[in-house]
Amino acid sequence: MDTPPPLPERLDRGGRQLRWLLVLGGAGVLLAALLLPPLLKLTGDIHTCLFLRLTGYPCMFCGMTRAFILMVHGHPVAAWQMSPLGVPLFFAMLAAMGWGVACLVTGKKYLLRWRWGWLTLLGVLLLLANWFYRLHAGLK
């Protein structure tokens, strides 16, 4: 007979602080993405990527900020064209924030039992694929 999975443990002080950091950090990213377009209209479109300035080519992360801004403002197709990896990362951030809120509200430590090595390798491969897409499309 199978035994039921163990109940999640209670969050300790450090666990609560990490969840708060996750939730508030994600909220800060969303707020910045909401407020950046009006600021960019005042100052002009500024590329702060040192790699782009030095080489003339976008780095692996170029376009992510603009993709997040487009997602917050409800333009997923334009966000996908800007940076295909930005769209799933946006939803992953929302899911992580939801997970953090669930842990804080219930006070339980919901652990993710993933194979982090494989997940890291997948993330690196997706980042490289996104970079090659941007280079091939001529996006900056």
N, C-alpha and C. Protein backbone atom coordinates (compact mmCIF):
# COMPACT_ATOMS: atom_id res chain seq x y z
N MET A 1 0.85 -1.18 0.00
CA MET A 1 0.00 0.00 0.00
C MET A 1 0.89 1.24 0.00
N ASP A 2 0.55 2.21 -0.84
CA ASP A 2 1.32 3.44 -0.91
C ASP A 2 1.04 4.31 0.30
N THR A 3 2.09 4.94 0.78
CA THR A 3 1.92 5.87 1.88
C THR A 3 1.67 7.26 1.32
N PRO A 4 0.85 8.04 1.97
CA PRO A 4 0.59 9.39 1.48
C PRO A 4 1.84 10.25 1.61
N PRO A 5 1.95 11.27 0.75
CA PRO A 5 3.13 12.14 0.87
C PRO A 5 3.11 12.88 2.20
N PRO A 6 4.29 13.16 2.74
CA PRO A 6 4.30 13.86 4.03
C PRO A 6 3.73 15.26 3.90
N LEU A 7 3.13 15.72 4.98
CA LEU A 7 2.58 17.07 5.00
C LEU A 7 3.72 18.09 4.96
N PRO A 8 3.49 19.22 4.30
CA PRO A 8 4.55 20.23 4.27
C PRO A 8 4.86 20.75 5.66
N GLU A 9 6.14 21.03 5.87
CA GLU A 9 6.57 21.56 7.16
C GLU A 9 6.15 23.02 7.27
N ARG A 10 6.20 23.52 8.50
CA ARG A 10 5.89 24.93 8.74
C ARG A 10 7.08 25.78 8.31
N LEU A 11 6.79 26.99 7.84
CA LEU A 11 7.85 27.92 7.46
C LEU A 11 8.57 28.45 8.68
N ASP A 12 9.88 28.48 8.63
CA ASP A 12 10.63 29.13 9.70
C ASP A 12 10.85 30.60 9.31
N ARG A 13 11.55 31.33 10.14
CA ARG A 13 11.73 32.77 9.90
C ARG A 13 12.47 33.02 8.58
N GLY A 14 13.53 32.26 8.33
CA GLY A 14 14.28 32.43 7.09
C GLY A 14 13.45 32.10 5.87
N GLY A 15 12.61 31.08 5.97
CA GLY A 15 11.74 30.71 4.86
C GLY A 15 10.72 31.80 4.57
N ARG A 16 10.17 32.40 5.61
CA ARG A 16 9.23 33.51 5.41
C ARG A 16 9.91 34.69 4.75
N GLN A 17 11.13 35.00 5.21
CA GLN A 17 11.85 36.13 4.63
C GLN A 17 12.15 35.89 3.15
N LEU A 18 12.53 34.68 2.79
CA LEU A 18 12.80 34.37 1.38
C LEU A 18 11.53 34.48 0.53
N ARG A 19 10.41 34.01 1.08
CA ARG A 19 9.14 34.11 0.32
C ARG A 19 8.73 35.57 0.16
N TRP A 20 8.91 36.38 1.21
CA TRP A 20 8.59 37.80 1.10
C TRP A 20 9.49 38.46 0.06
N LEU A 21 10.76 38.10 0.05
CA LEU A 21 11.69 38.65 -0.94
C LEU A 21 11.25 38.27 -2.35
N LEU A 22 10.82 37.05 -2.54
CA LEU A 22 10.35 36.59 -3.84
C LEU A 22 9.10 37.36 -4.28
N VAL A 23 8.14 37.49 -3.39
CA VAL A 23 6.88 38.16 -3.72
C VAL A 23 7.11 39.66 -3.95
N LEU A 24 7.82 40.30 -3.05
CA LEU A 24 8.05 41.75 -3.19
C LEU A 24 8.99 42.06 -4.35
N GLY A 25 9.97 41.20 -4.60
CA GLY A 25 10.85 41.39 -5.75
C GLY A 25 10.08 41.28 -7.06
N GLY A 26 9.21 40.29 -7.16
CA GLY A 26 8.38 40.15 -8.35
C GLY A 26 7.43 41.32 -8.53
N ALA A 27 6.87 41.79 -7.41
CA ALA A 27 5.98 42.96 -7.48
C ALA A 27 6.77 44.19 -7.93
N GLY A 28 8.01 44.31 -7.49
CA GLY A 28 8.86 45.42 -7.91
C GLY A 28 9.15 45.37 -9.41
N VAL A 29 9.39 44.17 -9.92
CA VAL A 29 9.62 44.01 -11.36
C VAL A 29 8.37 44.41 -12.13
N LEU A 30 7.20 43.96 -11.67
CA LEU A 30 5.96 44.32 -12.35
C LEU A 30 5.70 45.82 -12.30
N LEU A 31 5.95 46.44 -11.15
CA LEU A 31 5.76 47.88 -11.02
C LEU A 31 6.72 48.64 -11.93
N ALA A 32 7.97 48.22 -11.98
CA ALA A 32 8.95 48.87 -12.86
C ALA A 32 8.52 48.73 -14.33
N ALA A 33 8.05 47.55 -14.71
CA ALA A 33 7.60 47.34 -16.09
C ALA A 33 6.38 48.20 -16.40
N LEU A 34 5.57 48.45 -15.41
CA LEU A 34 4.39 49.29 -15.61
C LEU A 34 4.77 50.76 -15.75
N LEU A 35 5.78 51.20 -15.00
CA LEU A 35 6.15 52.61 -14.97
C LEU A 35 7.23 53.01 -15.97
N LEU A 36 7.98 52.07 -16.51
CA LEU A 36 9.08 52.42 -17.41
C LEU A 36 8.67 53.08 -18.72
N PRO A 37 7.60 52.64 -19.40
CA PRO A 37 7.29 53.29 -20.68
C PRO A 37 7.11 54.79 -20.61
N PRO A 38 6.38 55.33 -19.63
CA PRO A 38 6.29 56.80 -19.57
C PRO A 38 7.65 57.45 -19.35
N LEU A 39 8.52 56.81 -18.55
CA LEU A 39 9.84 57.37 -18.32
C LEU A 39 10.69 57.33 -19.59
N LEU A 40 10.58 56.25 -20.35
CA LEU A 40 11.35 56.14 -21.59
C LEU A 40 10.87 57.14 -22.63
N LYS A 41 9.58 57.49 -22.61
CA LYS A 41 9.08 58.50 -23.54
C LYS A 41 9.68 59.87 -23.22
N LEU A 42 9.94 60.11 -21.94
CA LEU A 42 10.54 61.38 -21.54
C LEU A 42 12.03 61.44 -21.87
N THR A 43 12.73 60.32 -21.68
CA THR A 43 14.18 60.33 -21.83
C THR A 43 14.67 59.75 -23.15
N GLY A 44 13.81 59.09 -23.89
CA GLY A 44 14.23 58.43 -25.13
C GLY A 44 14.56 56.97 -24.84
N ASP A 45 14.62 56.15 -25.90
CA ASP A 45 14.92 54.73 -25.75
C ASP A 45 16.41 54.57 -25.50
N ILE A 46 16.77 54.17 -24.30
CA ILE A 46 18.16 54.09 -23.90
C ILE A 46 18.58 52.63 -23.84
N HIS A 47 19.66 52.29 -24.54
CA HIS A 47 20.23 50.95 -24.44
C HIS A 47 21.38 51.01 -23.44
N THR A 48 21.22 50.34 -22.32
CA THR A 48 22.24 50.37 -21.30
C THR A 48 23.11 49.12 -21.32
N CYS A 49 22.91 48.23 -22.28
CA CYS A 49 23.66 46.99 -22.35
C CYS A 49 25.10 47.29 -22.81
N LEU A 50 26.05 47.01 -21.94
CA LEU A 50 27.45 47.26 -22.26
C LEU A 50 27.92 46.39 -23.42
N PHE A 51 27.45 45.12 -23.45
CA PHE A 51 27.82 44.21 -24.54
C PHE A 51 27.35 44.77 -25.88
N LEU A 52 26.13 45.28 -25.93
CA LEU A 52 25.59 45.86 -27.16
C LEU A 52 26.39 47.09 -27.57
N ARG A 53 26.74 47.94 -26.61
CA ARG A 53 27.50 49.14 -26.94
C ARG A 53 28.90 48.81 -27.44
N LEU A 54 29.52 47.78 -26.87
CA LEU A 54 30.89 47.43 -27.26
C LEU A 54 30.96 46.66 -28.57
N THR A 55 30.01 45.74 -28.80
CA THR A 55 30.09 44.85 -29.96
C THR A 55 29.12 45.19 -31.08
N GLY A 56 28.04 45.89 -30.75
CA GLY A 56 27.01 46.16 -31.74
C GLY A 56 26.01 45.01 -31.87
N TYR A 57 26.20 43.96 -31.09
CA TYR A 57 25.30 42.80 -31.09
C TYR A 57 24.58 42.71 -29.75
N PRO A 58 23.35 42.22 -29.75
CA PRO A 58 22.64 42.09 -28.47
C PRO A 58 23.23 40.97 -27.63
N CYS A 59 23.17 41.12 -26.33
CA CYS A 59 23.60 40.05 -25.42
C CYS A 59 22.45 39.05 -25.26
N MET A 60 22.68 38.02 -24.47
CA MET A 60 21.65 36.99 -24.28
C MET A 60 20.40 37.53 -23.60
N PHE A 61 20.53 38.63 -22.88
CA PHE A 61 19.40 39.16 -22.11
C PHE A 61 18.76 40.38 -22.76
N CYS A 62 19.34 40.86 -23.85
CA CYS A 62 18.77 42.03 -24.52
C CYS A 62 17.33 41.74 -24.95
N GLY A 63 16.47 42.69 -24.68
CA GLY A 63 15.07 42.55 -25.05
C GLY A 63 14.18 42.02 -23.95
N MET A 64 14.76 41.46 -22.89
CA MET A 64 13.94 40.90 -21.80
C MET A 64 13.15 41.98 -21.08
N THR A 65 13.79 43.10 -20.80
CA THR A 65 13.08 44.18 -20.11
C THR A 65 11.93 44.68 -20.96
N ARG A 66 12.21 44.88 -22.25
CA ARG A 66 11.15 45.36 -23.14
C ARG A 66 10.05 44.31 -23.31
N ALA A 67 10.41 43.01 -23.29
CA ALA A 67 9.39 41.96 -23.37
C ALA A 67 8.51 41.98 -22.12
N PHE A 68 9.11 42.17 -20.95
CA PHE A 68 8.32 42.25 -19.71
C PHE A 68 7.41 43.46 -19.75
N ILE A 69 7.93 44.59 -20.24
CA ILE A 69 7.09 45.79 -20.34
C ILE A 69 5.91 45.53 -21.25
N LEU A 70 6.16 44.89 -22.39
CA LEU A 70 5.07 44.59 -23.33
C LEU A 70 4.06 43.62 -22.71
N MET A 71 4.53 42.64 -21.95
CA MET A 71 3.62 41.69 -21.31
C MET A 71 2.74 42.39 -20.27
N VAL A 72 3.33 43.26 -19.46
CA VAL A 72 2.55 43.97 -18.44
C VAL A 72 1.48 44.83 -19.08
N HIS A 73 1.77 45.36 -20.25
CA HIS A 73 0.82 46.22 -20.94
C HIS A 73 -0.09 45.45 -21.90
N GLY A 74 -0.05 44.12 -21.84
CA GLY A 74 -1.00 43.30 -22.58
C GLY A 74 -0.68 43.10 -24.05
N HIS A 75 0.60 43.02 -24.41
CA HIS A 75 0.99 42.81 -25.80
C HIS A 75 1.87 41.57 -25.91
N PRO A 76 1.30 40.37 -25.74
CA PRO A 76 2.13 39.15 -25.74
C PRO A 76 2.78 38.84 -27.08
N VAL A 77 2.13 39.16 -28.18
CA VAL A 77 2.71 38.87 -29.50
C VAL A 77 3.94 39.74 -29.73
N ALA A 78 3.83 41.02 -29.42
CA ALA A 78 4.98 41.92 -29.55
C ALA A 78 6.08 41.52 -28.59
N ALA A 79 5.72 41.06 -27.39
CA ALA A 79 6.72 40.61 -26.42
C ALA A 79 7.45 39.38 -26.95
N TRP A 80 6.71 38.46 -27.57
CA TRP A 80 7.30 37.25 -28.14
C TRP A 80 8.27 37.61 -29.27
N GLN A 81 7.90 38.59 -30.09
CA GLN A 81 8.77 39.01 -31.17
C GLN A 81 10.01 39.72 -30.63
N MET A 82 9.88 40.40 -29.52
CA MET A 82 11.02 41.10 -28.92
C MET A 82 12.00 40.11 -28.31
N SER A 83 11.47 39.15 -27.55
CA SER A 83 12.31 38.16 -26.88
C SER A 83 11.44 36.95 -26.54
N PRO A 84 11.52 35.88 -27.34
CA PRO A 84 10.65 34.72 -27.09
C PRO A 84 10.79 34.14 -25.69
N LEU A 85 11.96 34.24 -25.10
CA LEU A 85 12.13 33.70 -23.76
C LEU A 85 11.51 34.61 -22.70
N GLY A 86 11.31 35.88 -23.02
CA GLY A 86 10.73 36.81 -22.06
C GLY A 86 9.30 36.44 -21.66
N VAL A 87 8.53 35.88 -22.60
CA VAL A 87 7.13 35.54 -22.32
C VAL A 87 7.04 34.40 -21.29
N PRO A 88 7.70 33.25 -21.50
CA PRO A 88 7.60 32.21 -20.47
C PRO A 88 8.25 32.62 -19.14
N LEU A 89 9.30 33.44 -19.20
CA LEU A 89 9.90 33.91 -17.95
C LEU A 89 8.95 34.81 -17.18
N PHE A 90 8.17 35.60 -17.91
CA PHE A 90 7.16 36.45 -17.27
C PHE A 90 6.14 35.58 -16.52
N PHE A 91 5.64 34.53 -17.19
CA PHE A 91 4.67 33.65 -16.54
C PHE A 91 5.31 32.84 -15.41
N ALA A 92 6.59 32.47 -15.56
CA ALA A 92 7.28 31.76 -14.48
C ALA A 92 7.42 32.66 -13.26
N MET A 93 7.68 33.95 -13.49
CA MET A 93 7.78 34.89 -12.38
C MET A 93 6.42 35.02 -11.66
N LEU A 94 5.34 35.09 -12.44
CA LEU A 94 4.01 35.17 -11.82
C LEU A 94 3.71 33.90 -11.02
N ALA A 95 4.08 32.73 -11.56
CA ALA A 95 3.87 31.47 -10.86
C ALA A 95 4.69 31.42 -9.57
N ALA A 96 5.94 31.89 -9.63
CA ALA A 96 6.79 31.90 -8.44
C ALA A 96 6.22 32.84 -7.38
N MET A 97 5.68 33.97 -7.82
CA MET A 97 5.05 34.89 -6.87
C MET A 97 3.83 34.23 -6.23
N GLY A 98 3.03 33.54 -7.02
CA GLY A 98 1.86 32.83 -6.49
C GLY A 98 2.26 31.76 -5.50
N TRP A 99 3.33 31.04 -5.80
CA TRP A 99 3.85 30.01 -4.89
C TRP A 99 4.29 30.66 -3.58
N GLY A 100 4.99 31.79 -3.68
CA GLY A 100 5.43 32.49 -2.48
C GLY A 100 4.26 32.97 -1.63
N VAL A 101 3.23 33.50 -2.28
CA VAL A 101 2.03 33.96 -1.56
C VAL A 101 1.34 32.78 -0.88
N ALA A 102 1.24 31.64 -1.59
CA ALA A 102 0.60 30.46 -1.00
C ALA A 102 1.36 30.00 0.24
N CYS A 103 2.68 30.01 0.18
CA CYS A 103 3.48 29.62 1.35
C CYS A 103 3.26 30.59 2.51
N LEU A 104 3.23 31.89 2.19
CA LEU A 104 3.06 32.89 3.25
C LEU A 104 1.67 32.83 3.88
N VAL A 105 0.65 32.63 3.06
CA VAL A 105 -0.72 32.61 3.57
C VAL A 105 -0.96 31.38 4.44
N THR A 106 -0.48 30.22 3.97
CA THR A 106 -0.73 28.98 4.73
C THR A 106 0.30 28.76 5.83
N GLY A 107 1.46 29.41 5.71
CA GLY A 107 2.52 29.20 6.69
C GLY A 107 3.24 27.88 6.52
N LYS A 108 3.02 27.22 5.38
CA LYS A 108 3.63 25.90 5.15
C LYS A 108 4.76 26.02 4.13
N LYS A 109 5.70 25.11 4.25
CA LYS A 109 6.87 25.08 3.38
C LYS A 109 6.59 24.09 2.25
N TYR A 110 6.08 24.62 1.14
CA TYR A 110 5.83 23.77 -0.02
C TYR A 110 7.13 23.67 -0.80
N LEU A 111 7.72 22.49 -0.82
CA LEU A 111 9.00 22.31 -1.49
C LEU A 111 8.78 21.83 -2.92
N LEU A 112 9.62 22.30 -3.80
CA LEU A 112 9.59 21.86 -5.19
C LEU A 112 10.65 20.78 -5.36
N ARG A 113 10.23 19.61 -5.71
CA ARG A 113 11.16 18.49 -5.85
C ARG A 113 11.50 18.30 -7.33
N TRP A 114 12.24 19.25 -7.83
CA TRP A 114 12.65 19.19 -9.23
C TRP A 114 14.11 18.81 -9.31
N ARG A 115 14.51 18.33 -10.46
CA ARG A 115 15.92 18.05 -10.71
C ARG A 115 16.55 19.34 -11.22
N TRP A 116 17.14 20.08 -10.29
CA TRP A 116 17.62 21.43 -10.59
C TRP A 116 18.74 21.43 -11.61
N GLY A 117 19.55 20.38 -11.66
CA GLY A 117 20.62 20.32 -12.66
C GLY A 117 20.06 20.32 -14.08
N TRP A 118 19.03 19.51 -14.30
CA TRP A 118 18.40 19.45 -15.63
C TRP A 118 17.66 20.74 -15.93
N LEU A 119 17.04 21.31 -14.93
CA LEU A 119 16.33 22.57 -15.11
C LEU A 119 17.30 23.70 -15.47
N THR A 120 18.47 23.70 -14.84
CA THR A 120 19.50 24.69 -15.16
C THR A 120 19.99 24.51 -16.59
N LEU A 121 20.25 23.27 -16.99
CA LEU A 121 20.69 23.00 -18.36
C LEU A 121 19.63 23.45 -19.37
N LEU A 122 18.37 23.17 -19.09
CA LEU A 122 17.28 23.61 -19.96
C LEU A 122 17.25 25.13 -20.06
N GLY A 123 17.42 25.81 -18.93
CA GLY A 123 17.43 27.27 -18.92
C GLY A 123 18.56 27.84 -19.77
N VAL A 124 19.75 27.26 -19.65
CA VAL A 124 20.90 27.72 -20.45
C VAL A 124 20.64 27.49 -21.93
N LEU A 125 20.09 26.33 -22.29
CA LEU A 125 19.80 26.04 -23.70
C LEU A 125 18.74 26.99 -24.25
N LEU A 126 17.71 27.28 -23.47
CA LEU A 126 16.69 28.23 -23.90
C LEU A 126 17.25 29.64 -24.05
N LEU A 127 18.14 30.02 -23.15
CA LEU A 127 18.78 31.33 -23.23
C LEU A 127 19.63 31.45 -24.49
N LEU A 128 20.38 30.40 -24.81
CA LEU A 128 21.19 30.40 -26.03
C LEU A 128 20.31 30.44 -27.28
N ALA A 129 19.22 29.65 -27.27
CA ALA A 129 18.30 29.65 -28.42
C ALA A 129 17.68 31.04 -28.61
N ASN A 130 17.31 31.69 -27.51
CA ASN A 130 16.75 33.04 -27.58
C ASN A 130 17.78 34.01 -28.16
N TRP A 131 19.03 33.87 -27.74
CA TRP A 131 20.10 34.74 -28.23
C TRP A 131 20.32 34.55 -29.73
N PHE A 132 20.37 33.30 -30.16
CA PHE A 132 20.55 33.04 -31.59
C PHE A 132 19.38 33.58 -32.41
N TYR A 133 18.18 33.48 -31.87
CA TYR A 133 17.01 34.04 -32.55
C TYR A 133 17.19 35.55 -32.72
N ARG A 134 17.57 36.23 -31.65
CA ARG A 134 17.73 37.68 -31.72
C ARG A 134 18.84 38.07 -32.69
N LEU A 135 19.94 37.32 -32.70
CA LEU A 135 21.03 37.61 -33.62
C LEU A 135 20.58 37.39 -35.06
N HIS A 136 19.88 36.29 -35.30
CA HIS A 136 19.42 35.96 -36.65
C HIS A 136 18.38 36.95 -37.15
N ALA A 137 17.51 37.40 -36.24
CA ALA A 137 16.46 38.36 -36.62
C ALA A 137 16.98 39.78 -36.74
N GLY A 138 18.20 40.01 -36.29
CA GLY A 138 18.79 41.35 -36.37
C GLY A 138 18.21 42.31 -35.35
N LEU A 139 17.68 41.79 -34.26
CA LEU A 139 17.08 42.64 -33.22
C LEU A 139 18.15 43.21 -32.31
N LYS A 140 17.94 44.43 -31.85
CA LYS A 140 18.88 45.05 -30.90
C LYS A 140 18.14 45.62 -29.73
